[in-house]
């Protein structure tokens, strides 16, 4: 994406199977349709970031941060074929967010898209 745009993809419940918290170093099995979509975007030259609350509020000097990041990076390398940037923050360059907890809202109306 020449304009620095990026796609955010949630980890737990979107990229990886999630059925409850099992600790910082556990990431569930890959969810094939989403993993394949990410691989397709990457092959098209798009920037994809893992968007996860797992890294929110963690100080980089904490050992927990390294456990979380190692688990995510190892998972991505194994199932996507490369490490991806990991973030919990939106910025002006994020063009899409794929997440199992999102409700899409119509711009400037406050209406959920599913409201019809």
Foldseek 3Di string as FASTA:
>chain_A
DVVLAEEEEEFDPTQADDDDDDALQDGHDGDVVRLVVVLVCVVVVHAYEYAYPCQPPDDVVDPSNVSNQVNQQVNCCVRNVGGHHYYNDDDPRYPYYHDPPDFDDDPPPRHTPVVD
